[in-house]
């Protein structure tokens, strides 16, 4: 269960990082 939780957290971090990077690329997030 702990391992799955870590995987979920890493995946969510990746998605968040990608979303933020996309926003920065569009100039909406500074």
N, C-alpha and C. Protein backbone atom coordinates (compact mmCIF):
# COMPACT_ATOMS: atom_id res chain seq x y z
N UNK A 1 0.84 -1.20 0.00
CA UNK A 1 0.00 0.00 0.00
C UNK A 1 0.88 1.25 0.00
N UNK A 2 1.94 1.21 0.81
CA UNK A 2 2.84 2.37 0.86
C UNK A 2 3.47 2.64 -0.50
N UNK A 3 3.86 1.54 -1.18
CA UNK A 3 4.50 1.71 -2.48
C UNK A 3 3.52 2.34 -3.48
N UNK A 4 2.28 1.86 -3.47
CA UNK A 4 1.27 2.42 -4.39
C UNK A 4 1.06 3.90 -4.10
N UNK A 5 1.06 4.27 -2.82
CA UNK A 5 0.87 5.67 -2.44
C UNK A 5 2.00 6.52 -3.01
N UNK A 6 3.23 6.00 -2.92
CA UNK A 6 4.38 6.74 -3.46
C UNK A 6 4.24 6.89 -4.97
N UNK A 7 3.86 5.82 -5.64
CA UNK A 7 3.69 5.88 -7.10
C UNK A 7 2.63 6.92 -7.46
N UNK A 8 1.51 6.90 -6.74
CA UNK A 8 0.44 7.85 -7.02
C UNK A 8 0.94 9.28 -6.84
N UNK A 9 1.68 9.50 -5.75
CA UNK A 9 2.19 10.86 -5.50
C UNK A 9 3.13 11.28 -6.62
N UNK A 10 4.02 10.39 -7.04
CA UNK A 10 4.96 10.73 -8.11
C UNK A 10 4.22 11.05 -9.40
N UNK A 11 3.20 10.25 -9.71
CA UNK A 11 2.44 10.48 -10.94
C UNK A 11 1.74 11.83 -10.87
N UNK A 12 1.13 12.13 -9.73
CA UNK A 12 0.43 13.41 -9.59
C UNK A 12 1.43 14.56 -9.70
N UNK A 13 2.62 14.39 -9.13
CA UNK A 13 3.64 15.44 -9.22
C UNK A 13 4.01 15.66 -10.69
N UNK A 14 4.17 14.56 -11.43
CA UNK A 14 4.52 14.68 -12.85
C UNK A 14 3.44 15.44 -13.60
N UNK A 15 2.18 15.09 -13.33
CA UNK A 15 1.07 15.75 -14.02
C UNK A 15 1.05 17.24 -13.65
N UNK A 16 1.23 17.54 -12.37
CA UNK A 16 1.23 18.94 -11.94
C UNK A 16 2.39 19.68 -12.59
N UNK A 17 3.57 19.08 -12.58
CA UNK A 17 4.74 19.74 -13.17
C UNK A 17 4.51 20.00 -14.65
N UNK A 18 3.95 19.02 -15.35
CA UNK A 18 3.69 19.18 -16.78
C UNK A 18 2.67 20.29 -17.02
N UNK A 19 1.62 20.32 -16.19
CA UNK A 19 0.58 21.35 -16.35
C UNK A 19 1.17 22.73 -16.11
N UNK A 20 1.95 22.87 -15.05
CA UNK A 20 2.57 24.17 -14.75
C UNK A 20 3.51 24.58 -15.88
N UNK A 21 4.29 23.63 -16.38
CA UNK A 21 5.22 23.94 -17.46
C UNK A 21 4.45 24.38 -18.71
N UNK A 22 3.32 23.73 -18.98
CA UNK A 22 2.51 24.10 -20.14
C UNK A 22 1.98 25.52 -19.97
N UNK A 23 1.52 25.84 -18.76
CA UNK A 23 1.01 27.19 -18.49
C UNK A 23 2.12 28.21 -18.67
N UNK A 24 3.30 27.89 -18.17
CA UNK A 24 4.43 28.83 -18.32
C UNK A 24 4.74 29.02 -19.79
N UNK A 25 4.69 27.94 -20.56
CA UNK A 25 5.00 28.02 -21.99
C UNK A 25 3.99 28.92 -22.70
N UNK A 26 2.76 28.94 -22.21
CA UNK A 26 1.73 29.79 -22.82
C UNK A 26 1.76 31.21 -22.24
N UNK A 27 2.61 31.42 -21.23
CA UNK A 27 2.74 32.75 -20.66
C UNK A 27 1.63 33.08 -19.67
N UNK A 28 0.90 32.08 -19.20
CA UNK A 28 -0.19 32.34 -18.25
C UNK A 28 0.31 32.25 -16.81
N UNK A 29 1.39 31.49 -16.59
CA UNK A 29 1.92 31.36 -15.24
C UNK A 29 3.33 31.94 -15.21
N UNK A 30 3.57 32.81 -14.28
CA UNK A 30 4.89 33.43 -14.20
C UNK A 30 5.47 33.25 -12.82
